[in-house]
Amino acid sequence: MYKVIPIYKVKHWHQEYGFEGPDLEVQRRQEVESHAECIAPGDIHEVNKGQLYLVCSQSRCKHMFTVD
């Protein structure tokens, strides 16, 4: 553990400052959030009040995703 933590700290620092390329997780999350704004309210169906939803796919007809 004492050997690994410093390695991850340096890796995180490098990624934070762009030395290791873009943070793909953040980039993908931003893409998902920007596409989410285009979803029509009628394409979201509440399953469990305030907890679980079914959302119609924007790219695959008749496919739904479960979202919490």
PDB file of N, CA and C in Angstrom:
ATOM      1  N   MET A   1       0.823  -1.185   0.000  1.00  0.00           N
ATOM      2  CA  MET A   1       0.000   0.000   0.000  1.00  0.00           C
ATOM      3  C   MET A   1       0.875   1.261   0.000  1.00  0.00           C
ATOM      4  N   TYR A   2       1.952   1.235   0.763  1.00  0.00           N
ATOM      5  CA  TYR A   2       2.822   2.409   0.846  1.00  0.00           C
ATOM      6  C   TYR A   2       3.532   2.683  -0.472  1.00  0.00           C
ATOM      7  N   LYS A   3       3.698   1.651  -1.296  1.00  0.00           N
ATOM      8  CA  LYS A   3       4.341   1.824  -2.598  1.00  0.00           C
ATOM      9  C   LYS A   3       3.345   2.269  -3.662  1.00  0.00           C
ATOM     10  N   VAL A   4       2.116   1.818  -3.565  1.00  0.00           N
ATOM     11  CA  VAL A   4       1.116   2.065  -4.600  1.00  0.00           C
ATOM     12  C   VAL A   4       0.497   3.465  -4.507  1.00  0.00           C
ATOM     13  N   ILE A   5       0.196   3.923  -3.321  1.00  0.00           N
ATOM     14  CA  ILE A   5      -0.469   5.226  -3.149  1.00  0.00           C
ATOM     15  C   ILE A   5       0.321   6.364  -3.791  1.00  0.00           C
ATOM     16  N   PRO A   6       1.628   6.475  -3.589  1.00  0.00           N
ATOM     17  CA  PRO A   6       2.367   7.546  -4.263  1.00  0.00           C
ATOM     18  C   PRO A   6       2.294   7.449  -5.788  1.00  0.00           C
ATOM     19  N   ILE A   7       2.272   6.241  -6.318  1.00  0.00           N
ATOM     20  CA  ILE A   7       2.166   6.061  -7.774  1.00  0.00           C
ATOM     21  C   ILE A   7       0.837   6.626  -8.275  1.00  0.00           C
ATOM     22  N   TYR A   8      -0.255   6.322  -7.566  1.00  0.00           N
ATOM     23  CA  TYR A   8      -1.563   6.819  -7.981  1.00  0.00           C
ATOM     24  C   TYR A   8      -1.688   8.330  -7.789  1.00  0.00           C
ATOM     25  N   LYS A   9      -1.042   8.863  -6.771  1.00  0.00           N
ATOM     26  CA  LYS A   9      -1.058  10.312  -6.580  1.00  0.00           C
ATOM     27  C   LYS A   9      -0.399  11.020  -7.756  1.00  0.00           C
ATOM     28  N   VAL A  10       0.749  10.507  -8.203  1.00  0.00           N
ATOM     29  CA  VAL A  10       1.449  11.094  -9.344  1.00  0.00           C
ATOM     30  C   VAL A  10       0.625  10.929 -10.610  1.00  0.00           C
ATOM     31  N   LYS A  11       0.042   9.737 -10.798  1.00  0.00           N
ATOM     32  CA  LYS A  11      -0.797   9.488 -11.974  1.00  0.00           C
ATOM     33  C   LYS A  11      -1.978  10.456 -12.000  1.00  0.00           C
ATOM     34  N   HIS A  12      -2.629  10.657 -10.864  1.00  0.00           N
ATOM     35  CA  HIS A  12      -3.762  11.588 -10.772  1.00  0.00           C
ATOM     36  C   HIS A  12      -3.306  13.013 -11.088  1.00  0.00           C
ATOM     37  N   TRP A  13      -2.176  13.410 -10.548  1.00  0.00           N
ATOM     38  CA  TRP A  13      -1.645  14.749 -10.795  1.00  0.00           C
ATOM     39  C   TRP A  13      -1.358  14.942 -12.282  1.00  0.00           C
ATOM     40  N   HIS A  14      -0.729  13.944 -12.913  1.00  0.00           N
ATOM     41  CA  HIS A  14      -0.430  14.025 -14.347  1.00  0.00           C
ATOM     42  C   HIS A  14      -1.707  14.145 -15.173  1.00  0.00           C
ATOM     43  N   GLN A  15      -2.705  13.358 -14.815  1.00  0.00           N
ATOM     44  CA  GLN A  15      -3.964  13.402 -15.556  1.00  0.00           C
ATOM     45  C   GLN A  15      -4.677  14.738 -15.327  1.00  0.00           C
ATOM     46  N   GLU A  16      -4.653  15.215 -14.106  1.00  0.00           N
ATOM     47  CA  GLU A  16      -5.313  16.483 -13.770  1.00  0.00           C
ATOM     48  C   GLU A  16      -4.744  17.645 -14.574  1.00  0.00           C
ATOM     49  N   TYR A  17      -3.445  17.614 -14.821  1.00  0.00           N
ATOM     50  CA  TYR A  17      -2.802  18.693 -15.563  1.00  0.00           C
ATOM     51  C   TYR A  17      -2.608  18.379 -17.053  1.00  0.00           C
ATOM     52  N   GLY A  18      -3.223  17.277 -17.528  1.00  0.00           N
ATOM     53  CA  GLY A  18      -3.224  16.975 -18.946  1.00  0.00           C
ATOM     54  C   GLY A  18      -1.992  16.301 -19.490  1.00  0.00           C
ATOM     55  N   PHE A  19      -1.096  15.812 -18.624  1.00  0.00           N
ATOM     56  CA  PHE A  19       0.112  15.148 -19.100  1.00  0.00           C
ATOM     57  C   PHE A  19      -0.166  13.735 -19.622  1.00  0.00           C
ATOM     58  N   GLU A  20      -1.258  13.130 -19.187  1.00  0.00           N
ATOM     59  CA  GLU A  20      -1.573  11.749 -19.563  1.00  0.00           C
ATOM     60  C   GLU A  20      -2.744  11.699 -20.541  1.00  0.00           C
ATOM     61  N   GLY A  21      -3.036  12.770 -21.223  1.00  0.00           N
ATOM     62  CA  GLY A  21      -4.160  12.799 -22.147  1.00  0.00           C
ATOM     63  C   GLY A  21      -5.438  13.214 -21.438  1.00  0.00           C
ATOM     64  N   PRO A  22      -6.520  13.318 -22.189  1.00  0.00           N
ATOM     65  CA  PRO A  22      -7.770  13.791 -21.594  1.00  0.00           C
ATOM     66  C   PRO A  22      -8.369  12.754 -20.637  1.00  0.00           C
ATOM     67  N   ASP A  23      -9.137  13.242 -19.703  1.00  0.00           N
ATOM     68  CA  ASP A  23      -9.853  12.374 -18.782  1.00  0.00           C
ATOM     69  C   ASP A  23     -11.091  11.877 -19.518  1.00  0.00           C
ATOM     70  N   LEU A  24     -11.045  10.647 -19.989  1.00  0.00           N
ATOM     71  CA  LEU A  24     -12.117  10.114 -20.835  1.00  0.00           C
ATOM     72  C   LEU A  24     -13.429   9.949 -20.079  1.00  0.00           C
ATOM     73  N   GLU A  25     -13.365   9.683 -18.789  1.00  0.00           N
ATOM     74  CA  GLU A  25     -14.589   9.546 -18.011  1.00  0.00           C
ATOM     75  C   GLU A  25     -15.342  10.874 -17.974  1.00  0.00           C
ATOM     76  N   VAL A  26     -14.636  11.950 -17.705  1.00  0.00           N
ATOM     77  CA  VAL A  26     -15.261  13.274 -17.655  1.00  0.00           C
ATOM     78  C   VAL A  26     -15.805  13.648 -19.031  1.00  0.00           C
ATOM     79  N   GLN A  27     -15.038  13.374 -20.067  1.00  0.00           N
ATOM     80  CA  GLN A  27     -15.465  13.684 -21.430  1.00  0.00           C
ATOM     81  C   GLN A  27     -16.752  12.921 -21.776  1.00  0.00           C
ATOM     82  N   ARG A  28     -16.813  11.644 -21.445  1.00  0.00           N
ATOM     83  CA  ARG A  28     -18.006  10.832 -21.750  1.00  0.00           C
ATOM     84  C   ARG A  28     -19.199  11.324 -20.944  1.00  0.00           C
ATOM     85  N   ARG A  29     -18.993  11.665 -19.689  1.00  0.00           N
ATOM     86  CA  ARG A  29     -20.090  12.161 -18.848  1.00  0.00           C
ATOM     87  C   ARG A  29     -20.654  13.458 -19.422  1.00  0.00           C
ATOM     88  N   GLN A  30     -19.798  14.341 -19.907  1.00  0.00           N
ATOM     89  CA  GLN A  30     -20.249  15.592 -20.518  1.00  0.00           C
ATOM     90  C   GLN A  30     -21.064  15.317 -21.780  1.00  0.00           C
ATOM     91  N   GLU A  31     -20.642  14.336 -22.580  1.00  0.00           N
ATOM     92  CA  GLU A  31     -21.404  13.965 -23.772  1.00  0.00           C
ATOM     93  C   GLU A  31     -22.788  13.454 -23.394  1.00  0.00           C
ATOM     94  N   VAL A  32     -22.850  12.582 -22.402  1.00  0.00           N
ATOM     95  CA  VAL A  32     -24.130  12.025 -21.958  1.00  0.00           C
ATOM     96  C   VAL A  32     -25.041  13.131 -21.445  1.00  0.00           C
ATOM     97  N   GLU A  33     -24.497  14.037 -20.635  1.00  0.00           N
ATOM     98  CA  GLU A  33     -25.307  15.123 -20.087  1.00  0.00           C
ATOM     99  C   GLU A  33     -25.820  16.054 -21.179  1.00  0.00           C
ATOM    100  N   SER A  34     -25.021  16.322 -22.196  1.00  0.00           N
ATOM    101  CA  SER A  34     -25.479  17.206 -23.272  1.00  0.00           C
ATOM    102  C   SER A  34     -26.570  16.535 -24.100  1.00  0.00           C
ATOM    103  N   HIS A  35     -26.466  15.220 -24.307  1.00  0.00           N
ATOM    104  CA  HIS A  35     -27.512  14.509 -25.035  1.00  0.00           C
ATOM    105  C   HIS A  35     -28.780  14.377 -24.200  1.00  0.00           C
ATOM    106  N   ALA A  36     -28.638  14.303 -22.885  1.00  0.00           N
ATOM    107  CA  ALA A  36     -29.799  14.151 -22.004  1.00  0.00           C
ATOM    108  C   ALA A  36     -30.743  15.341 -22.113  1.00  0.00           C
ATOM    109  N   GLU A  37     -30.212  16.500 -22.431  1.00  0.00           N
ATOM    110  CA  GLU A  37     -31.054  17.694 -22.557  1.00  0.00           C
ATOM    111  C   GLU A  37     -32.015  17.583 -23.741  1.00  0.00           C
ATOM    112  N   CYS A  38     -31.726  16.702 -24.691  1.00  0.00           N
ATOM    113  CA  CYS A  38     -32.560  16.529 -25.885  1.00  0.00           C
ATOM    114  C   CYS A  38     -33.673  15.515 -25.691  1.00  0.00           C
ATOM    115  N   ILE A  39     -33.703  14.820 -24.568  1.00  0.00           N
ATOM    116  CA  ILE A  39     -34.718  13.789 -24.336  1.00  0.00           C
ATOM    117  C   ILE A  39     -36.048  14.447 -23.997  1.00  0.00           C
ATOM    118  N   ALA A  40     -37.063  14.067 -24.738  1.00  0.00           N
ATOM    119  CA  ALA A  40     -38.411  14.613 -24.507  1.00  0.00           C
ATOM    120  C   ALA A  40     -38.970  14.078 -23.192  1.00  0.00           C
ATOM    121  N   PRO A  41     -39.687  14.903 -22.444  1.00  0.00           N
ATOM    122  CA  PRO A  41     -40.257  14.445 -21.167  1.00  0.00           C
ATOM    123  C   PRO A  41     -41.136  13.199 -21.334  1.00  0.00           C
ATOM    124  N   GLY A  42     -41.781  13.040 -22.477  1.00  0.00           N
ATOM    125  CA  GLY A  42     -42.626  11.874 -22.713  1.00  0.00           C
ATOM    126  C   GLY A  42     -41.847  10.587 -22.886  1.00  0.00           C
ATOM    127  N   ASP A  43     -40.529  10.697 -23.059  1.00  0.00           N
ATOM    128  CA  ASP A  43     -39.673   9.521 -23.216  1.00  0.00           C
ATOM    129  C   ASP A  43     -39.094   9.035 -21.887  1.00  0.00           C
ATOM    130  N   ILE A  44     -39.519   9.656 -20.798  1.00  0.00           N
ATOM    131  CA  ILE A  44     -39.052   9.282 -19.457  1.00  0.00           C
ATOM    132  C   ILE A  44     -40.246   8.777 -18.663  1.00  0.00           C
ATOM    133  N   HIS A  45     -40.138   7.542 -18.162  1.00  0.00           N
ATOM    134  CA  HIS A  45     -41.237   6.927 -17.424  1.00  0.00           C
ATOM    135  C   HIS A  45     -40.769   6.572 -16.019  1.00  0.00           C
ATOM    136  N   GLU A  46     -41.447   7.132 -15.030  1.00  0.00           N
ATOM    137  CA  GLU A  46     -41.066   6.886 -13.634  1.00  0.00           C
ATOM    138  C   GLU A  46     -41.543   5.503 -13.206  1.00  0.00           C
ATOM    139  N   VAL A  47     -40.643   4.695 -12.664  1.00  0.00           N
ATOM    140  CA  VAL A  47     -40.965   3.345 -12.207  1.00  0.00           C
ATOM    141  C   VAL A  47     -41.144   3.356 -10.686  1.00  0.00           C
ATOM    142  N   ASN A  48     -40.184   3.922  -9.994  1.00  0.00           N
ATOM    143  CA  ASN A  48     -40.188   4.035  -8.533  1.00  0.00           C
ATOM    144  C   ASN A  48     -40.097   5.515  -8.201  1.00  0.00           C
ATOM    145  N   LYS A  49     -41.076   6.074  -7.560  1.00  0.00           N
ATOM    146  CA  LYS A  49     -41.154   7.520  -7.341  1.00  0.00           C
ATOM    147  C   LYS A  49     -39.831   8.120  -6.881  1.00  0.00           C
ATOM    148  N   GLY A  50     -39.234   8.960  -7.745  1.00  0.00           N
ATOM    149  CA  GLY A  50     -38.006   9.665  -7.429  1.00  0.00           C
ATOM    150  C   GLY A  50     -36.752   8.811  -7.364  1.00  0.00           C
ATOM    151  N   GLN A  51     -36.853   7.525  -7.735  1.00  0.00           N
ATOM    152  CA  GLN A  51     -35.695   6.649  -7.586  1.00  0.00           C
ATOM    153  C   GLN A  51     -35.301   5.930  -8.871  1.00  0.00           C
ATOM    154  N   LEU A  52     -36.280   5.459  -9.651  1.00  0.00           N
ATOM    155  CA  LEU A  52     -35.975   4.627 -10.804  1.00  0.00           C
ATOM    156  C   LEU A  52     -36.832   5.042 -11.991  1.00  0.00           C
ATOM    157  N   TYR A  53     -36.179   5.150 -13.154  1.00  0.00           N
ATOM    158  CA  TYR A  53     -36.865   5.604 -14.365  1.00  0.00           C
ATOM    159  C   TYR A  53     -36.505   4.706 -15.541  1.00  0.00           C
ATOM    160  N   LEU A  54     -37.411   4.623 -16.502  1.00  0.00           N
ATOM    161  CA  LEU A  54     -37.120   4.013 -17.789  1.00  0.00           C
ATOM    162  C   LEU A  54     -37.050   5.149 -18.791  1.00  0.00           C
ATOM    163  N   VAL A  55     -35.962   5.190 -19.562  1.00  0.00           N
ATOM    164  CA  VAL A  55     -35.745   6.263 -20.528  1.00  0.00           C
ATOM    165  C   VAL A  55     -35.598   5.643 -21.909  1.00  0.00           C
ATOM    166  N   CYS A  56     -36.386   6.135 -22.869  1.00  0.00           N
ATOM    167  CA  CYS A  56     -36.319   5.627 -24.241  1.00  0.00           C
ATOM    168  C   CYS A  56     -34.982   5.988 -24.867  1.00  0.00           C
ATOM    169  N   SER A  57     -34.404   5.018 -25.566  1.00  0.00           N
ATOM    170  CA  SER A  57     -33.145   5.241 -26.271  1.00  0.00           C
ATOM    171  C   SER A  57     -33.350   6.249 -27.394  1.00  0.00           C
ATOM    172  N   GLN A  58     -32.378   7.121 -27.585  1.00  0.00           N
ATOM    173  CA  GLN A  58     -32.449   8.106 -28.655  1.00  0.00           C
ATOM    174  C   GLN A  58     -31.891   7.553 -29.962  1.00  0.00           C
ATOM    175  N   SER A  59     -31.178   6.415 -29.891  1.00  0.00           N
ATOM    176  CA  SER A  59     -30.550   5.875 -31.091  1.00  0.00           C
ATOM    177  C   SER A  59     -31.091   4.507 -31.501  1.00  0.00           C
ATOM    178  N   ARG A  60     -31.699   3.773 -30.561  1.00  0.00           N
ATOM    179  CA  ARG A  60     -32.225   2.439 -30.875  1.00  0.00           C
ATOM    180  C   ARG A  60     -33.719   2.406 -30.603  1.00  0.00           C
ATOM    181  N   CYS A  61     -34.475   2.300 -31.654  1.00  0.00           N
ATOM    182  CA  CYS A  61     -35.941   2.307 -31.565  1.00  0.00           C
ATOM    183  C   CYS A  61     -36.447   1.205 -30.624  1.00  0.00           C
ATOM    184  N   LYS A  62     -37.395   1.552 -29.784  1.00  0.00           N
ATOM    185  CA  LYS A  62     -38.067   0.626 -28.858  1.00  0.00           C
ATOM    186  C   LYS A  62     -37.133   0.034 -27.802  1.00  0.00           C
ATOM    187  N   HIS A  63     -35.983   0.638 -27.559  1.00  0.00           N
ATOM    188  CA  HIS A  63     -35.070   0.190 -26.506  1.00  0.00           C
ATOM    189  C   HIS A  63     -35.143   1.193 -25.360  1.00  0.00           C
ATOM    190  N   MET A  64     -35.169   0.674 -24.128  1.00  0.00           N
ATOM    191  CA  MET A  64     -35.244   1.558 -22.955  1.00  0.00           C
ATOM    192  C   MET A  64     -34.090   1.246 -22.010  1.00  0.00           C
ATOM    193  N   PHE A  65     -33.638   2.302 -21.335  1.00  0.00           N
ATOM    194  CA  PHE A  65     -32.582   2.176 -20.340  1.00  0.00           C
ATOM    195  C   PHE A  65     -33.171   2.406 -18.952  1.00  0.00           C
ATOM    196  N   THR A  66     -32.679   1.674 -17.972  1.00  0.00           N
ATOM    197  CA  THR A  66     -33.061   1.883 -16.583  1.00  0.00           C
ATOM    198  C   THR A  66     -32.082   2.885 -15.990  1.00  0.00           C
ATOM    199  N   VAL A  67     -32.619   3.945 -15.387  1.00  0.00           N
ATOM    200  CA  VAL A  67     -31.782   5.013 -14.834  1.00  0.00           C
ATOM    201  C   VAL A  67     -32.191   5.259 -13.390  1.00  0.00           C
ATOM    202  N   ASP A  68     -31.168   5.343 -12.505  1.00  0.00           N
ATOM    203  CA  ASP A  68     -31.489   5.646 -11.095  1.00  0.00           C
ATOM    204  C   ASP A  68     -31.005   7.031 -10.729  1.00  0.00           C
TER     205      ASP A  68
END
